[in-house]
Amino acid sequence: MDVRILDPRILDWGIPDYQTPGSAAVDLFACIDAPLDIAPQAPAVLIGAGIALSFDDFSCAGLILPRSGQGHRRGLVLGNSTGLIDPDYTGEILISTWNRNPAGSPPLTIQPGERIAQMIFVPVVRPRFGVVQAFSRSTERAAGGFGSTGA
């Protein structure tokens, strides 16, 4: 996968990489010029990751996820829950950050170069849809949903 460095500080902080041999995702850095305070319950803030990607083909996509410790300990999560980077998108990776802490809590301060999110790469399956009047196979779960299998 080709990566374009849009913010030269990435070269100092380290190109996004897997932090351990078993890591499933790469960490993304906050490419901001100064510390940024994010107030609790305020609208989400877009923060550039300083990179752009070329996926080379359409068989995989990137998912932006919160970093576990940032979300659990600090309350820093994504404003869009999960970000999707389509394989044909070649612009800067942007991270929608949101402070989920209760109103009245102190703001969260993001530092330049701080690892604030992670990106995992997943395969993409693109089925072709055929319109039918009825399904050729039925299951017991044809209707219901939203807890239909019990608690």
Protein backbone atom coordinates (compact mmCIF):
# COMPACT_ATOMS: atom_id res chain seq x y z
CA MET A 1 0.00 0.00 0.00
CA ASP A 2 1.39 3.40 -0.92
CA VAL A 3 1.33 6.16 1.68
CA ARG A 4 1.77 9.88 0.98
CA ILE A 5 3.22 11.92 3.83
CA LEU A 6 1.21 15.15 3.97
CA ASP A 7 2.69 16.42 7.24
CA PRO A 8 6.51 16.09 7.46
CA ARG A 9 6.31 15.66 11.25
CA ILE A 10 5.06 12.12 10.57
CA LEU A 11 8.64 11.24 9.63
CA ASP A 12 9.74 12.28 13.15
CA TRP A 13 6.82 10.61 14.93
CA GLY A 14 7.04 7.48 12.80
CA ILE A 15 5.02 6.35 9.83
CA PRO A 16 1.90 4.58 11.16
CA ASP A 17 2.94 1.04 11.99
CA TYR A 18 1.90 -1.94 14.06
CA GLN A 19 3.08 -1.42 17.64
CA THR A 20 3.46 -5.15 18.44
CA PRO A 21 3.72 -8.32 16.33
CA GLY A 22 0.09 -9.11 17.20
CA SER A 23 -1.39 -5.65 16.64
CA ALA A 24 -4.37 -5.67 14.29
CA ALA A 25 -4.33 -1.93 13.58
CA VAL A 26 -1.91 0.94 13.08
CA ASP A 27 -2.06 4.02 15.28
CA LEU A 28 -2.85 7.43 13.77
CA PHE A 29 -1.30 10.68 14.96
CA ALA A 30 -2.96 14.01 15.64
CA CYS A 31 -1.39 16.33 13.07
CA ILE A 32 -2.18 19.61 14.77
CA ASP A 33 0.05 22.65 15.28
CA ALA A 34 -0.73 23.28 18.94
CA PRO A 35 -2.50 21.53 21.82
CA LEU A 36 -6.22 21.28 21.11
CA ASP A 37 -8.90 21.28 23.84
CA ILE A 38 -12.06 19.34 23.06
CA ALA A 39 -14.92 20.25 25.37
CA PRO A 40 -17.15 17.46 26.70
CA GLN A 41 -20.29 16.88 24.64
CA ALA A 42 -19.23 19.54 22.09
CA PRO A 43 -19.57 18.78 18.37
CA ALA A 44 -16.98 16.38 16.95
CA VAL A 45 -13.71 17.86 15.69
CA LEU A 46 -11.92 16.66 12.56
CA ILE A 47 -8.19 16.14 13.05
CA GLY A 48 -5.88 15.32 10.15
CA ALA A 49 -3.70 12.23 10.38
CA GLY A 50 -1.07 13.72 8.06
CA ILE A 51 -1.20 10.85 5.57
CA ALA A 52 -3.08 9.73 2.49
CA LEU A 53 -3.27 6.16 1.20
CA SER A 54 -3.53 4.46 -2.16
CA PHE A 55 -5.12 1.05 -1.65
CA ASP A 56 -3.99 -0.18 -5.10
CA ASP A 57 -7.19 -2.19 -5.55
CA PHE A 58 -10.73 -2.22 -4.24
CA SER A 59 -10.50 -5.47 -2.28
CA CYS A 60 -9.83 -3.83 1.08
CA ALA A 61 -10.89 -0.74 3.02
CA GLY A 62 -9.72 1.01 6.17
CA LEU A 63 -11.75 1.35 9.36
CA ILE A 64 -10.86 4.12 11.82
CA LEU A 65 -11.51 3.05 15.41
CA PRO A 66 -10.90 4.69 18.78
CA ARG A 67 -7.81 3.60 20.69
CA SER A 68 -9.01 1.51 23.62
CA GLY A 69 -7.14 3.41 26.35
CA GLN A 70 -8.09 6.83 24.96
CA GLY A 71 -11.77 5.91 24.96
CA HIS A 72 -11.89 4.03 28.24
CA ARG A 73 -9.62 6.15 30.41
CA ARG A 74 -10.02 9.60 28.87
CA GLY A 75 -13.37 9.52 27.07
CA LEU A 76 -11.86 10.31 23.65
CA VAL A 77 -13.89 8.44 21.03
CA LEU A 78 -14.87 8.97 17.43
CA GLY A 79 -17.64 11.36 16.54
CA ASN A 80 -18.85 8.98 13.84
CA SER A 81 -18.41 5.79 15.89
CA THR A 82 -16.36 4.12 13.13
CA GLY A 83 -14.77 5.89 10.19
CA LEU A 84 -14.70 4.18 6.80
CA ILE A 85 -11.88 4.87 4.37
CA ASP A 86 -13.10 3.67 0.98
CA PRO A 87 -10.41 2.14 -1.23
CA ASP A 88 -10.94 4.80 -3.91
CA TYR A 89 -10.41 7.71 -1.46
CA THR A 90 -6.92 9.21 -1.76
CA GLY A 91 -7.28 12.39 0.31
CA GLU A 92 -5.94 13.00 3.82
CA ILE A 93 -7.16 10.57 6.46
CA LEU A 94 -9.29 12.59 8.89
CA ILE A 95 -10.20 11.51 12.41
CA SER A 96 -13.56 12.62 13.83
CA THR A 97 -12.80 13.10 17.53
CA TRP A 98 -15.40 13.54 20.26
CA ASN A 99 -15.18 13.98 24.04
CA ARG A 100 -17.91 11.69 25.40
CA ASN A 101 -17.43 12.82 29.01
CA PRO A 102 -20.38 14.45 30.80
CA ALA A 103 -20.98 18.15 30.36
CA GLY A 104 -19.12 20.08 33.05
CA SER A 105 -16.10 17.76 32.92
CA PRO A 106 -12.78 19.35 31.99
CA PRO A 107 -11.88 19.43 28.30
CA LEU A 108 -9.61 16.79 26.81
CA THR A 109 -6.34 18.16 25.52
CA ILE A 110 -4.91 16.57 22.38
CA GLN A 111 -1.18 17.11 21.87
CA PRO A 112 0.50 17.39 18.47
CA GLY A 113 1.76 13.94 17.51
CA GLU A 114 -0.42 12.12 20.03
CA ARG A 115 -1.76 8.74 18.89
CA ILE A 116 -5.51 9.32 18.98
CA ALA A 117 -7.06 6.62 16.80
CA GLN A 118 -6.22 3.43 14.98
CA MET A 119 -6.90 2.05 11.53
CA ILE A 120 -7.52 -1.57 10.67
CA PHE A 121 -7.67 -2.90 7.13
CA VAL A 122 -10.51 -5.24 6.23
CA PRO A 123 -11.46 -7.19 3.11
CA VAL A 124 -14.34 -5.83 1.07
CA VAL A 125 -16.95 -8.14 -0.42
CA ARG A 126 -19.13 -6.50 -3.08
CA PRO A 127 -22.03 -8.83 -3.90
CA ARG A 128 -24.23 -8.23 -6.90
CA PHE A 129 -27.88 -7.92 -5.97
CA GLY A 130 -30.62 -9.86 -7.73
CA VAL A 131 -34.18 -8.68 -7.16
CA VAL A 132 -36.58 -11.52 -6.23
CA GLN A 133 -40.22 -11.79 -5.17
CA ALA A 134 -39.41 -14.41 -2.50
CA PHE A 135 -36.26 -15.98 -1.12
CA SER A 136 -35.42 -19.50 -2.29
CA ARG A 137 -34.44 -20.44 1.25
CA SER A 138 -36.22 -19.43 4.44
CA THR A 139 -35.07 -19.49 8.05
CA GLU A 140 -36.75 -19.29 11.42
CA ARG A 141 -35.45 -15.73 11.71
CA ALA A 142 -37.33 -14.31 8.76
CA ALA A 143 -38.83 -11.49 10.83
CA GLY A 144 -38.28 -9.85 14.17
CA GLY A 145 -34.77 -8.75 14.91
CA PHE A 146 -33.82 -6.30 17.65
CA GLY A 147 -33.69 -8.92 20.38
CA SER A 148 -35.93 -11.52 18.76
CA THR A 149 -33.69 -14.38 19.98
CA GLY A 150 -34.18 -13.43 23.63
CA ALA A 151 -32.10 -11.73 26.31
